[in-house]
C-alpha atoms as a PDB file:
ATOM      1  CA  MET A   1      -4.659 -21.729 -24.667  1.00  0.00           C
ATOM      2  CA  LYS A   2      -2.954 -24.508 -27.286  1.00  0.00           C
ATOM      3  CA  GLN A   3       0.546 -25.617 -27.144  1.00  0.00           C
ATOM      4  CA  ASP A   4       1.558 -24.047 -30.366  1.00  0.00           C
ATOM      5  CA  PHE A   5       0.779 -20.862 -29.330  1.00  0.00           C
ATOM      6  CA  ASP A   6       2.001 -18.247 -31.776  1.00  0.00           C
ATOM      7  CA  ALA A   7       3.029 -15.190 -29.813  1.00  0.00           C
ATOM      8  CA  ILE A   8       4.077 -12.888 -33.143  1.00  0.00           C
ATOM      9  CA  ALA A   9       0.791 -13.793 -34.720  1.00  0.00           C
ATOM     10  CA  MET A  10      -1.613 -13.041 -32.110  1.00  0.00           C
ATOM     11  CA  ALA A  11       0.485  -9.612 -31.107  1.00  0.00           C
ATOM     12  CA  ALA A  12      -0.074  -8.942 -35.136  1.00  0.00           C
ATOM     13  CA  ALA A  13      -3.618  -9.718 -34.718  1.00  0.00           C
ATOM     14  CA  VAL A  14      -3.982  -7.492 -31.790  1.00  0.00           C
ATOM     15  CA  ALA A  15      -2.288  -4.776 -33.770  1.00  0.00           C
ATOM     16  CA  ALA A  16      -4.476  -5.031 -36.868  1.00  0.00           C
ATOM     17  CA  GLY A  17      -7.826  -4.642 -34.371  1.00  0.00           C
ATOM     18  CA  ASP A  18      -9.244  -7.974 -34.386  1.00  0.00           C
ATOM     19  CA  ARG A  19     -11.532  -7.613 -31.041  1.00  0.00           C
ATOM     20  CA  ARG A  20     -11.624 -11.465 -30.358  1.00  0.00           C
ATOM     21  CA  THR A  21      -8.026 -12.014 -30.010  1.00  0.00           C
ATOM     22  CA  LEU A  22      -7.434  -8.936 -27.830  1.00  0.00           C
ATOM     23  CA  ALA A  23     -10.749 -10.647 -26.004  1.00  0.00           C
ATOM     24  CA  ARG A  24      -8.188 -13.535 -25.873  1.00  0.00           C
ATOM     25  CA  ALA A  25      -4.964 -11.877 -25.252  1.00  0.00           C
ATOM     26  CA  ILE A  26      -6.508 -10.024 -22.215  1.00  0.00           C
ATOM     27  CA  THR A  27      -7.573 -13.357 -20.828  1.00  0.00           C
ATOM     28  CA  LEU A  28      -4.081 -14.757 -21.173  1.00  0.00           C
ATOM     29  CA  VAL A  29      -2.670 -11.798 -19.062  1.00  0.00           C
ATOM     30  CA  GLU A  30      -4.808 -12.192 -16.703  1.00  0.00           C
ATOM     31  CA  SER A  31      -4.347 -15.772 -16.104  1.00  0.00           C
ATOM     32  CA  THR A  32      -2.280 -16.981 -13.208  1.00  0.00           C
ATOM     33  CA  ARG A  33      -1.661 -20.790 -14.771  1.00  0.00           C
ATOM     34  CA  PRO A  34       2.453 -20.800 -14.912  1.00  0.00           C
ATOM     35  CA  ASP A  35       2.557 -21.549 -18.806  1.00  0.00           C
ATOM     36  CA  HIS A  36      -0.579 -18.864 -19.411  1.00  0.00           C
ATOM     37  CA  ARG A  37       1.891 -16.380 -17.416  1.00  0.00           C
ATOM     38  CA  ARG A  38       4.784 -17.469 -19.616  1.00  0.00           C
ATOM     39  CA  GLN A  39       2.648 -17.390 -23.075  1.00  0.00           C
ATOM     40  CA  ALA A  40       1.562 -13.830 -21.940  1.00  0.00           C
ATOM     41  CA  GLU A  41       5.232 -12.645 -21.063  1.00  0.00           C
ATOM     42  CA  ALA A  42       6.051 -13.586 -24.671  1.00  0.00           C
ATOM     43  CA  LEU A  43       3.162 -11.967 -25.890  1.00  0.00           C
ATOM     44  CA  LEU A  44       4.212  -8.558 -24.402  1.00  0.00           C
ATOM     45  CA  ALA A  45       7.541  -9.037 -25.569  1.00  0.00           C
ATOM     46  CA  VAL A  46       6.766  -8.900 -28.964  1.00  0.00           C
ATOM     47  CA  LEU A  47       3.639  -6.577 -29.039  1.00  0.00           C
ATOM     48  CA  PRO A  48       4.395  -3.503 -31.406  1.00  0.00           C
ATOM     49  CA  GLY A  49       4.655  -0.154 -29.178  1.00  0.00           C
ATOM     50  CA  ASN A  50       1.538   1.972 -29.693  1.00  0.00           C
ATOM     51  CA  THR A  51       2.284   4.963 -32.545  1.00  0.00           C
ATOM     52  CA  LYS A  52      -0.508   6.775 -31.139  1.00  0.00           C
ATOM     53  CA  THR A  53      -0.816   9.602 -28.412  1.00  0.00           C
ATOM     54  CA  SER A  54      -2.757   7.676 -26.159  1.00  0.00           C
ATOM     55  CA  ILE A  55      -4.288   8.971 -22.879  1.00  0.00           C
ATOM     56  CA  ARG A  56      -4.930   6.519 -19.673  1.00  0.00           C
ATOM     57  CA  ILE A  57      -8.038   7.891 -17.447  1.00  0.00           C
ATOM     58  CA  GLY A  58      -8.478   6.699 -13.996  1.00  0.00           C
ATOM     59  CA  ILE A  59     -12.183   7.245 -12.811  1.00  0.00           C
ATOM     60  CA  THR A  60     -13.462   6.827  -9.493  1.00  0.00           C
ATOM     61  CA  GLY A  61     -16.368   7.299  -7.098  1.00  0.00           C
ATOM     62  CA  ALA A  62     -18.303   5.560  -4.314  1.00  0.00           C
ATOM     63  CA  PRO A  63     -21.073   2.751  -5.087  1.00  0.00           C
ATOM     64  CA  GLY A  64     -24.261   4.726  -6.413  1.00  0.00           C
ATOM     65  CA  VAL A  65     -22.668   7.646  -7.625  1.00  0.00           C
ATOM     66  CA  GLY A  66     -23.281   6.743 -11.211  1.00  0.00           C
ATOM     67  CA  LYS A  67     -20.002   5.449 -12.595  1.00  0.00           C
ATOM     68  CA  SER A  68     -21.181   3.267 -15.015  1.00  0.00           C
ATOM     69  CA  THR A  69     -23.469   5.547 -16.371  1.00  0.00           C
ATOM     70  CA  PHE A  70     -21.190   8.632 -16.949  1.00  0.00           C
ATOM     71  CA  ILE A  71     -18.433   6.000 -18.664  1.00  0.00           C
ATOM     72  CA  GLU A  72     -21.149   4.947 -21.087  1.00  0.00           C
ATOM     73  CA  ALA A  73     -22.011   8.495 -21.953  1.00  0.00           C
ATOM     74  CA  PHE A  74     -19.007   9.884 -21.701  1.00  0.00           C
ATOM     75  CA  GLY A  75     -17.400   6.911 -23.700  1.00  0.00           C
ATOM     76  CA  GLY A  76     -20.175   7.613 -26.393  1.00  0.00           C
ATOM     77  CA  HIS A  77     -19.149  11.425 -26.583  1.00  0.00           C
ATOM     78  CA  LEU A  78     -15.304  10.203 -27.470  1.00  0.00           C
ATOM     79  CA  THR A  79     -16.530   7.484 -30.314  1.00  0.00           C
ATOM     80  CA  ALA A  80     -18.863  10.532 -31.595  1.00  0.00           C
ATOM     81  CA  LEU A  81     -15.553  12.483 -31.786  1.00  0.00           C
ATOM     82  CA  GLY A  82     -13.842   9.345 -34.008  1.00  0.00           C
ATOM     83  CA  LEU A  83     -11.889   8.402 -31.133  1.00  0.00           C
ATOM     84  CA  ARG A  84     -11.284   4.553 -30.487  1.00  0.00           C
ATOM     85  CA  ILE A  85     -11.668   3.764 -26.514  1.00  0.00           C
ATOM     86  CA  ALA A  86     -10.924   1.054 -23.895  1.00  0.00           C
ATOM     87  CA  VAL A  87     -12.688   0.552 -21.152  1.00  0.00           C
ATOM     88  CA  LEU A  88     -10.891  -1.624 -18.144  1.00  0.00           C
ATOM     89  CA  ALA A  89     -13.663  -2.049 -15.150  1.00  0.00           C
ATOM     90  CA  VAL A  90     -12.203  -3.940 -12.455  1.00  0.00           C
ATOM     91  CA  ASP A  91     -14.918  -5.847 -10.826  1.00  0.00           C
ATOM     92  CA  PRO A  92     -15.632  -7.169  -7.646  1.00  0.00           C
ATOM     93  CA  SER A  93     -14.996 -10.847  -7.661  1.00  0.00           C
ATOM     94  CA  SER A  94     -17.544 -13.536  -6.867  1.00  0.00           C
ATOM     95  CA  SER A  95     -15.431 -15.534  -3.649  1.00  0.00           C
ATOM     96  CA  ARG A  96     -16.489 -18.695  -5.051  1.00  0.00           C
ATOM     97  CA  THR A  97     -15.876 -18.616  -8.884  1.00  0.00           C
ATOM     98  CA  GLY A  98     -13.696 -16.043  -9.112  1.00  0.00           C
ATOM     99  CA  GLY A  99     -15.365 -14.339 -11.729  1.00  0.00           C
ATOM    100  CA  SER A 100     -16.393 -10.900 -12.053  1.00  0.00           C
ATOM    101  CA  ILE A 101     -19.843  -9.956 -10.727  1.00  0.00           C
ATOM    102  CA  LEU A 102     -20.994  -6.804 -11.966  1.00  0.00           C
ATOM    103  CA  GLY A 103     -20.437  -7.339 -15.712  1.00  0.00           C
ATOM    104  CA  ASP A 104     -19.708  -3.956 -16.651  1.00  0.00           C
ATOM    105  CA  LYS A 105     -20.863  -4.777 -20.402  1.00  0.00           C
ATOM    106  CA  THR A 106     -24.758  -5.649 -19.153  1.00  0.00           C
ATOM    107  CA  ARG A 107     -24.208  -1.780 -17.358  1.00  0.00           C
ATOM    108  CA  MET A 108     -22.965  -0.189 -20.480  1.00  0.00           C
ATOM    109  CA  GLU A 109     -25.083  -1.566 -23.095  1.00  0.00           C
ATOM    110  CA  ASP A 110     -24.857   1.023 -25.838  1.00  0.00           C
ATOM    111  CA  LEU A 111     -21.133   1.458 -25.213  1.00  0.00           C
ATOM    112  CA  SER A 112     -20.691  -1.980 -25.388  1.00  0.00           C
ATOM    113  CA  ARG A 113     -22.245  -1.986 -29.160  1.00  0.00           C
ATOM    114  CA  ALA A 114     -20.438   0.983 -30.371  1.00  0.00           C
ATOM    115  CA  PRO A 115     -17.326  -0.273 -33.153  1.00  0.00           C
ATOM    116  CA  ASN A 116     -14.872   1.983 -31.870  1.00  0.00           C
ATOM    117  CA  ALA A 117     -15.137   0.756 -28.244  1.00  0.00           C
ATOM    118  CA  PHE A 118     -13.924  -2.027 -26.168  1.00  0.00           C
ATOM    119  CA  ILE A 119     -15.297  -2.918 -22.642  1.00  0.00           C
ATOM    120  CA  ARG A 120     -13.641  -5.663 -20.630  1.00  0.00           C
ATOM    121  CA  PRO A 121     -14.501  -6.109 -17.088  1.00  0.00           C
ATOM    122  CA  SER A 122     -12.192  -7.900 -14.894  1.00  0.00           C
ATOM    123  CA  PRO A 123     -12.351  -9.691 -11.861  1.00  0.00           C
ATOM    124  CA  ALA A 124     -10.457  -7.956  -8.691  1.00  0.00           C
ATOM    125  CA  GLY A 125      -9.421 -10.861  -7.473  1.00  0.00           C
ATOM    126  CA  ARG A 126      -7.309 -10.784  -4.286  1.00  0.00           C
ATOM    127  CA  SER A 127      -5.325  -7.901  -5.399  1.00  0.00           C
ATOM    128  CA  LEU A 128      -4.643  -4.626  -3.516  1.00  0.00           C
ATOM    129  CA  GLY A 129      -8.111  -3.165  -2.934  1.00  0.00           C
ATOM    130  CA  GLY A 130      -9.901  -4.600  -5.462  1.00  0.00           C
ATOM    131  CA  VAL A 131      -7.342  -3.617  -8.905  1.00  0.00           C
ATOM    132  CA  ALA A 132      -6.399  -6.661 -11.159  1.00  0.00           C
ATOM    133  CA  ARG A 133      -3.146  -7.628 -10.755  1.00  0.00           C
ATOM    134  CA  ARG A 134      -2.581  -7.659 -14.879  1.00  0.00           C
ATOM    135  CA  THR A 135      -4.628  -4.507 -15.209  1.00  0.00           C
ATOM    136  CA  ARG A 136      -1.403  -2.853 -16.635  1.00  0.00           C
ATOM    137  CA  GLU A 137      -0.551  -5.296 -19.067  1.00  0.00           C
ATOM    138  CA  ALA A 138      -4.128  -5.200 -20.355  1.00  0.00           C
ATOM    139  CA  MET A 139      -3.599  -1.640 -20.668  1.00  0.00           C
ATOM    140  CA  ALA A 140      -0.731  -1.892 -23.015  1.00  0.00           C
ATOM    141  CA  LEU A 141      -2.495  -4.470 -25.232  1.00  0.00           C
ATOM    142  CA  VAL A 142      -5.564  -2.168 -25.913  1.00  0.00           C
ATOM    143  CA  GLU A 143      -3.068   0.372 -26.606  1.00  0.00           C
ATOM    144  CA  ALA A 144      -1.360  -1.824 -29.130  1.00  0.00           C
ATOM    145  CA  ALA A 145      -4.973  -2.533 -30.736  1.00  0.00           C
ATOM    146  CA  GLY A 146      -5.031   1.358 -31.097  1.00  0.00           C
ATOM    147  CA  HIS A 147      -7.035   2.754 -28.562  1.00  0.00           C
ATOM    148  CA  ASP A 148      -6.654   6.286 -28.254  1.00  0.00           C
ATOM    149  CA  VAL A 149      -8.389   6.290 -24.790  1.00  0.00           C
ATOM    150  CA  THR A 150      -8.016   3.942 -21.969  1.00  0.00           C
ATOM    151  CA  ILE A 151     -10.243   4.181 -18.902  1.00  0.00           C
ATOM    152  CA  VAL A 152      -9.920   2.587 -15.685  1.00  0.00           C
ATOM    153  CA  GLU A 153     -12.641   2.435 -14.071  1.00  0.00           C
ATOM    154  CA  THR A 154     -12.066   1.454 -10.125  1.00  0.00           C
ATOM    155  CA  VAL A 155     -14.688  -0.365  -7.312  1.00  0.00           C
ATOM    156  CA  GLY A 156     -15.409   2.516  -5.279  1.00  0.00           C
ATOM    157  CA  VAL A 157     -13.559   5.126  -2.887  1.00  0.00           C
ATOM    158  CA  GLY A 158     -11.185   2.705  -1.352  1.00  0.00           C
ATOM    159  CA  GLN A 159      -7.169   1.484  -1.387  1.00  0.00           C
ATOM    160  CA  SER A 160      -7.921   0.672  -4.944  1.00  0.00           C
ATOM    161  CA  GLU A 161      -7.686   4.100  -5.982  1.00  0.00           C
ATOM    162  CA  TYR A 162      -4.044   4.839  -5.044  1.00  0.00           C
ATOM    163  CA  ALA A 163      -3.099   1.864  -7.703  1.00  0.00           C
ATOM    164  CA  VAL A 164      -5.357   2.940 -10.151  1.00  0.00           C
ATOM    165  CA  ALA A 165      -3.685   6.601  -9.605  1.00  0.00           C
ATOM    166  CA  ASP A 166       0.058   5.034 -10.345  1.00  0.00           C
ATOM    167  CA  MET A 167      -1.161   3.593 -13.763  1.00  0.00           C
ATOM    168  CA  VAL A 168      -2.979   6.306 -15.339  1.00  0.00           C
ATOM    169  CA  ASP A 169      -2.226   9.901 -17.169  1.00  0.00           C
ATOM    170  CA  MET A 170      -4.903  11.132 -14.925  1.00  0.00           C
ATOM    171  CA  PHE A 171      -7.463  10.651 -12.131  1.00  0.00           C
ATOM    172  CA  LEU A 172     -11.057  11.709 -12.137  1.00  0.00           C
ATOM    173  CA  LEU A 173     -13.130  11.629  -8.976  1.00  0.00           C
ATOM    174  CA  LEU A 174     -16.990  11.751  -9.553  1.00  0.00           C
ATOM    175  CA  VAL A 175     -19.358  12.786  -7.103  1.00  0.00           C
ATOM    176  CA  ALA A 176     -23.066  13.359  -6.330  1.00  0.00           C
ATOM    177  CA  PRO A 177     -24.423  16.329  -5.185  1.00  0.00           C
ATOM    178  CA  GLY A 178     -24.405  16.079  -1.245  1.00  0.00           C
ATOM    179  CA  GLY A 179     -22.571  19.540  -0.239  1.00  0.00           C
ATOM    180  CA  GLY A 180     -20.588  18.864   3.545  1.00  0.00           C
ATOM    181  CA  ASP A 181     -22.277  15.563   4.169  1.00  0.00           C
ATOM    182  CA  GLU A 182     -20.630  14.022   0.765  1.00  0.00           C
ATOM    183  CA  LEU A 183     -17.445  15.980   1.233  1.00  0.00           C
ATOM    184  CA  GLN A 184     -17.254  14.417   5.033  1.00  0.00           C
ATOM    185  CA  GLY A 185     -17.329  11.293   3.304  1.00  0.00           C
ATOM    186  CA  ILE A 186     -14.854  11.234   0.983  1.00  0.00           C
ATOM    187  CA  LYS A 187     -10.988  11.029   2.315  1.00  0.00           C
ATOM    188  CA  ARG A 188      -8.459  13.655   2.029  1.00  0.00           C
ATOM    189  CA  GLY A 189      -6.073  11.373   0.283  1.00  0.00           C
ATOM    190  CA  ILE A 190      -8.299  10.692  -2.766  1.00  0.00           C
ATOM    191  CA  MET A 191      -9.094  14.048  -3.185  1.00  0.00           C
ATOM    192  CA  GLU A 192      -5.360  14.700  -3.425  1.00  0.00           C
ATOM    193  CA  LEU A 193      -5.071  12.336  -5.860  1.00  0.00           C
ATOM    194  CA  ALA A 194      -7.706  13.449  -8.340  1.00  0.00           C
ATOM    195  CA  ASP A 195      -7.039  16.037 -11.223  1.00  0.00           C
ATOM    196  CA  LEU A 196     -10.484  16.593 -12.080  1.00  0.00           C
ATOM    197  CA  LEU A 197     -13.571  16.371  -9.760  1.00  0.00           C
ATOM    198  CA  VAL A 198     -16.750  16.362 -11.525  1.00  0.00           C
ATOM    199  CA  VAL A 199     -20.271  16.413  -9.783  1.00  0.00           C
ATOM    200  CA  ASN A 200     -22.647  13.796 -11.597  1.00  0.00           C
ATOM    201  CA  LYS A 201     -26.361  14.239 -11.354  1.00  0.00           C
ATOM    202  CA  ALA A 202     -26.451  17.837 -12.183  1.00  0.00           C
ATOM    203  CA  ASP A 203     -29.862  17.623 -13.394  1.00  0.00           C
ATOM    204  CA  GLY A 204     -33.541  18.350 -12.532  1.00  0.00           C
ATOM    205  CA  ALA A 205     -34.318  18.737  -8.791  1.00  0.00           C
ATOM    206  CA  PHE A 206     -30.520  18.333  -7.929  1.00  0.00           C
ATOM    207  CA  VAL A 207     -29.141  21.334  -9.773  1.00  0.00           C
ATOM    208  CA  ASP A 208     -29.006  23.563  -7.113  1.00  0.00           C
ATOM    209  CA  ALA A 209     -27.314  21.224  -4.894  1.00  0.00           C
ATOM    210  CA  ALA A 210     -24.799  20.094  -7.343  1.00  0.00           C
ATOM    211  CA  ASN A 211     -23.773  24.037  -7.585  1.00  0.00           C
ATOM    212  CA  HIS A 212     -23.445  24.014  -3.512  1.00  0.00           C
ATOM    213  CA  ALA A 213     -21.338  20.858  -3.773  1.00  0.00           C
ATOM    214  CA  ALA A 214     -18.851  22.241  -6.901  1.00  0.00           C
ATOM    215  CA  ALA A 215     -18.734  25.223  -4.812  1.00  0.00           C
ATOM    216  CA  ASP A 216     -17.694  23.420  -1.644  1.00  0.00           C
ATOM    217  CA  TYR A 217     -15.211  21.172  -3.231  1.00  0.00           C
ATOM    218  CA  ARG A 218     -13.782  24.107  -4.925  1.00  0.00           C
ATOM    219  CA  ASN A 219     -12.832  25.547  -1.334  1.00  0.00           C
ATOM    220  CA  ALA A 220     -11.994  22.277  -0.352  1.00  0.00           C
ATOM    221  CA  LEU A 221      -9.226  21.759  -2.969  1.00  0.00           C
ATOM    222  CA  ASN A 222      -7.680  25.362  -2.400  1.00  0.00           C
ATOM    223  CA  LEU A 223      -6.556  23.637   0.648  1.00  0.00           C
ATOM    224  CA  ILE A 224      -4.641  20.627  -1.050  1.00  0.00           C
ATOM    225  CA  ARG A 225      -1.769  21.148  -3.089  1.00  0.00           C
ATOM    226  CA  PRO A 226      -2.213  20.103  -6.596  1.00  0.00           C
ATOM    227  CA  LYS A 227      -1.056  16.595  -7.263  1.00  0.00           C
ATOM    228  CA  THR A 228       0.674  18.111 -11.249  1.00  0.00           C
ATOM    229  CA  PRO A 229       2.671  21.039 -10.594  1.00  0.00           C
ATOM    230  CA  GLY A 230       1.211  23.847 -13.192  1.00  0.00           C
ATOM    231  CA  TRP A 231      -2.064  22.647 -13.169  1.00  0.00           C
ATOM    232  CA  GLU A 232      -5.025  23.813 -10.549  1.00  0.00           C
ATOM    233  CA  VAL A 233      -7.646  20.754 -10.189  1.00  0.00           C
ATOM    234  CA  GLU A 234     -10.532  21.776 -11.934  1.00  0.00           C
ATOM    235  CA  VAL A 235     -14.411  21.142 -10.358  1.00  0.00           C
ATOM    236  CA  LEU A 236     -16.880  20.348 -13.237  1.00  0.00           C
ATOM    237  CA  LEU A 237     -20.579  19.577 -13.144  1.00  0.00           C
ATOM    238  CA  ALA A 238     -21.861  16.709 -15.194  1.00  0.00           C
ATOM    239  CA  SER A 239     -25.306  14.836 -15.963  1.00  0.00           C
ATOM    240  CA  ALA A 240     -24.364  11.519 -17.754  1.00  0.00           C
ATOM    241  CA  LEU A 241     -28.171  10.935 -18.010  1.00  0.00           C
ATOM    242  CA  ARG A 242     -28.909  13.924 -20.133  1.00  0.00           C
ATOM    243  CA  GLY A 243     -25.253  14.032 -21.725  1.00  0.00           C
ATOM    244  CA  GLN A 244     -24.497  16.972 -20.678  1.00  0.00           C
ATOM    245  CA  GLY A 245     -21.151  18.566 -19.470  1.00  0.00           C
ATOM    246  CA  LEU A 246     -19.252  16.017 -21.081  1.00  0.00           C
ATOM    247  CA  ALA A 247     -17.651  18.298 -23.710  1.00  0.00           C
ATOM    248  CA  GLU A 248     -16.262  20.269 -21.022  1.00  0.00           C
ATOM    249  CA  ILE A 249     -14.708  17.340 -19.427  1.00  0.00           C
ATOM    250  CA  TRP A 250     -12.725  16.308 -22.412  1.00  0.00           C
ATOM    251  CA  GLN A 251     -11.940  19.853 -23.090  1.00  0.00           C
ATOM    252  CA  ALA A 252     -10.368  19.855 -19.502  1.00  0.00           C
ATOM    253  CA  MET A 253      -8.169  16.524 -19.858  1.00  0.00           C
ATOM    254  CA  GLN A 254      -6.711  17.852 -22.798  1.00  0.00           C
ATOM    255  CA  ARG A 255      -5.831  20.788 -21.259  1.00  0.00           C
ATOM    256  CA  LEU A 256      -4.011  18.646 -18.600  1.00  0.00           C
ATOM    257  CA  GLN A 257      -2.679  16.681 -20.877  1.00  0.00           C
ATOM    258  CA  THR A 258      -1.034  19.533 -22.657  1.00  0.00           C
ATOM    259  CA  VAL A 259       0.651  20.920 -19.458  1.00  0.00           C
ATOM    260  CA  LEU A 260       1.928  17.052 -19.024  1.00  0.00           C
ATOM    261  CA  THR A 261       3.314  17.021 -22.634  1.00  0.00           C
ATOM    262  CA  ALA A 262       4.458  20.822 -22.355  1.00  0.00           C
ATOM    263  CA  LYS A 263       6.582  20.178 -19.100  1.00  0.00           C
ATOM    264  CA  GLY A 264       8.024  16.243 -20.263  1.00  0.00           C
ATOM    265  CA  ASP A 265       5.780  15.289 -16.906  1.00  0.00           C
ATOM    266  CA  GLY A 266       3.855  12.755 -18.641  1.00  0.00           C
ATOM    267  CA  GLN A 267       6.506  10.652 -20.110  1.00  0.00           C
ATOM    268  CA  ALA A 268       8.520  11.063 -16.951  1.00  0.00           C
ATOM    269  CA  SER A 269       5.229   9.818 -14.853  1.00  0.00           C
ATOM    270  CA  ARG A 270       4.818   6.502 -16.907  1.00  0.00           C
ATOM    271  CA  ALA A 271       9.021   5.927 -16.786  1.00  0.00           C
ATOM    272  CA  ALA A 272       8.400   6.074 -12.941  1.00  0.00           C
ATOM    273  CA  GLN A 273       4.954   4.012 -13.304  1.00  0.00           C
ATOM    274  CA  ALA A 274       7.132   1.490 -15.225  1.00  0.00           C
ATOM    275  CA  ARG A 275       9.904   1.259 -12.558  1.00  0.00           C
ATOM    276  CA  ARG A 276       7.473   1.131  -9.708  1.00  0.00           C
ATOM    277  CA  TRP A 277       5.686  -1.756 -11.745  1.00  0.00           C
ATOM    278  CA  LEU A 278       8.891  -3.714 -11.872  1.00  0.00           C
ATOM    279  CA  TRP A 279       9.365  -3.526  -7.903  1.00  0.00           C
ATOM    280  CA  GLU A 280       5.529  -5.011  -7.326  1.00  0.00           C
ATOM    281  CA  GLU A 281       6.085  -7.776 -10.038  1.00  0.00           C
ATOM    282  CA  ILE A 282       9.589  -8.393  -8.332  1.00  0.00           C
ATOM    283  CA  GLN A 283       7.510  -8.518  -4.985  1.00  0.00           C
ATOM    284  CA  ASP A 284       4.426 -10.553  -6.200  1.00  0.00           C
ATOM    285  CA  ASP A 285       6.508 -13.250  -7.660  1.00  0.00           C
ATOM    286  CA  LEU A 286       8.496 -13.469  -4.446  1.00  0.00           C
ATOM    287  CA  MET A 287       5.643 -13.854  -2.633  1.00  0.00           C
ATOM    288  CA  ALA A 288       4.175 -16.525  -4.859  1.00  0.00           C
ATOM    289  CA  GLU A 289       7.732 -18.224  -5.089  1.00  0.00           C
ATOM    290  CA  LEU A 290       8.280 -18.380  -1.349  1.00  0.00           C
ATOM    291  CA  LYS A 291       5.343 -19.670  -0.470  1.00  0.00           C
ATOM    292  CA  SER A 292       4.961 -22.380  -2.953  1.00  0.00           C
ATOM    293  CA  GLY A 293       7.995 -23.638  -2.023  1.00  0.00           C
ATOM    294  CA  GLU A 294       7.437 -26.934  -0.343  1.00  0.00           C
ATOM    295  CA  ALA A 295      10.784 -27.332   1.362  1.00  0.00           C
ATOM    296  CA  LEU A 296       9.926 -24.076   3.622  1.00  0.00           C
ATOM    297  CA  ALA A 297       6.535 -24.744   4.116  1.00  0.00           C
ATOM    298  CA  PRO A 298       7.155 -26.611   7.586  1.00  0.00           C
ATOM    299  CA  LEU A 299       9.234 -23.547   8.920  1.00  0.00           C
ATOM    300  CA  ILE A 300       6.974 -21.043   7.667  1.00  0.00           C
ATOM    301  CA  ALA A 301       3.905 -23.027   8.967  1.00  0.00           C
ATOM    302  CA  ALA A 302       5.584 -23.303  12.522  1.00  0.00           C
ATOM    303  CA  ARG A 303       6.771 -19.661  12.436  1.00  0.00           C
ATOM    304  CA  GLU A 304       3.250 -18.500  11.675  1.00  0.00           C
ATOM    305  CA  GLU A 305       1.804 -20.441  14.728  1.00  0.00           C
ATOM    306  CA  GLN A 306       4.875 -18.767  16.899  1.00  0.00           C
ATOM    307  CA  VAL A 307       3.694 -15.128  15.770  1.00  0.00           C
ATOM    308  CA  GLY A 308       0.148 -15.952  16.418  1.00  0.00           C
ATOM    309  CA  ALA A 309       1.024 -17.295  19.988  1.00  0.00           C
ATOM    310  CA  GLY A 310       3.154 -14.302  20.498  1.00  0.00           C
ATOM    311  CA  GLU A 311       6.347 -16.231  21.052  1.00  0.00           C
ATOM    312  CA  ILE A 312       8.105 -14.682  18.088  1.00  0.00           C
ATOM    313  CA  THR A 313       8.171 -11.468  16.814  1.00  0.00           C
ATOM    314  CA  PRO A 314       7.006 -10.838  13.048  1.00  0.00           C
ATOM    315  CA  SER A 315       9.981  -9.370  12.157  1.00  0.00           C
ATOM    316  CA  ALA A 316      12.245 -11.937  13.541  1.00  0.00           C
ATOM    317  CA  ALA A 317      10.231 -14.709  12.226  1.00  0.00           C
ATOM    318  CA  ALA A 318      10.627 -12.701   8.970  1.00  0.00           C
ATOM    319  CA  ARG A 319      14.159 -12.831   9.000  1.00  0.00           C
ATOM    320  CA  GLU A 320      14.263 -16.315   9.708  1.00  0.00           C
ATOM    321  CA  ILE A 321      11.936 -17.497   6.831  1.00  0.00           C
ATOM    322  CA  LEU A 322      13.996 -15.311   4.094  1.00  0.00           C
ATOM    323  CA  ALA A 323      17.474 -16.627   5.111  1.00  0.00           C
ATOM    324  CA  ALA A 324      16.102 -19.856   4.732  1.00  0.00           C
ATOM    325  CA  PHE A 325      14.564 -18.845   1.017  1.00  0.00           C
ATOM    326  CA  LEU A 326      18.102 -17.461  -0.041  1.00  0.00           C
ATOM    327  CA  LYS A 327      20.041 -20.253   1.392  1.00  0.00           C
ATOM    328  CA  ARG A 328      18.083 -22.777  -0.792  1.00  0.00           C
ATOM    329  CA  ALA A 329      18.012 -20.743  -3.530  1.00  0.00           C
ATOM    330  CA  ASP A 330      22.167 -20.681  -3.671  1.00  0.00           C
END
C-alpha cells in the first residue's frame, strides 16, 4: 500500500460500490504487516454503517457435499431476486505461499460474473480450523458496500464451524443423501449449531435416499435443543445442480430472520458476537506481542524446553512468562 493512504477516500469508494476498491480493502484487512494493520484499523474506523438490513449466513458441510455448487445456485437465485450478495469462502492455505488453494472463483464461475455478486476466496492461514481471522472485518466491508446477504463458506466439518457460527445470523448445514451412515459421520456439536439442515443432491437416483436421510435428520434433531428459542430447525431438500428447493430455503431463512427480529435476538446476538470479537482480538494481539518481544525470547525458549522435558508444569511456566511480560510492560 502507498504511504499516502487515504482511509476516508477508500471508505467512500467502498460505500459507492467500487468492486476493485472493495477487493483492495479486503486484501488490506487480511494483511499481517503492521503498517497495513494500522491502515486497516483506520479504514474500519471511518467505514459508514450499513443502512440495509443485511443477513449473514454461514454454510458448512463435509468435503464433497457440493457446497460450492450449492452456493453458486443459491447465490444465483438471490441475485435473480434483485439482491446483492457477497460470498466469503475460507479456503485451505498453501503451506508454502499462504495463498488460497481451491480458488472459489474458478468453482463458482457463473456467479462470479454476476454484477450483483462479489466472491472472495480467503486463505485460512493458521487460524482456528481454517477460519480466516479477518473474516469479520471482510463482512463489515461488504456490508458497507451495500450487499444484502453475506455468505461465509467454511472449509468443511470441523472446528472452523464453531468460529463461523459465532459471526453469522444463521447457520446452514449441508449434507448429502446417505441416511444412517451420513448421520453417524456428523458430530452432534455441529448439528447443534445448525438453524437449517439441507439435504443436497436430492435428484435422479438419489431422491429416495434424500427423503430417507431427511427423515433420519428430523428424528435426530428432535433430540437436540434448538439453538434459537422459538425456532425449530428445519430440514429441507435441494438439488443445486437442478436449482430445486432454493426458493424454499430462502423462505425458511426469511422466516428465521423474522423470528430473530421480532424477539430482538438478532441485534443481541450481534452485540454478543462483537464483545467476543473484542476479546479474541485482545488475545491474538497479546500473543503476538508476547512472542515478538526479543527481551523475553530466552526465557520463553528455556521454559518451552523445560516443559517439553517435564521439568516444569505448563501452568507454572506460563505464570512466570506472563509475570515477566507484565513487569516489562510496566
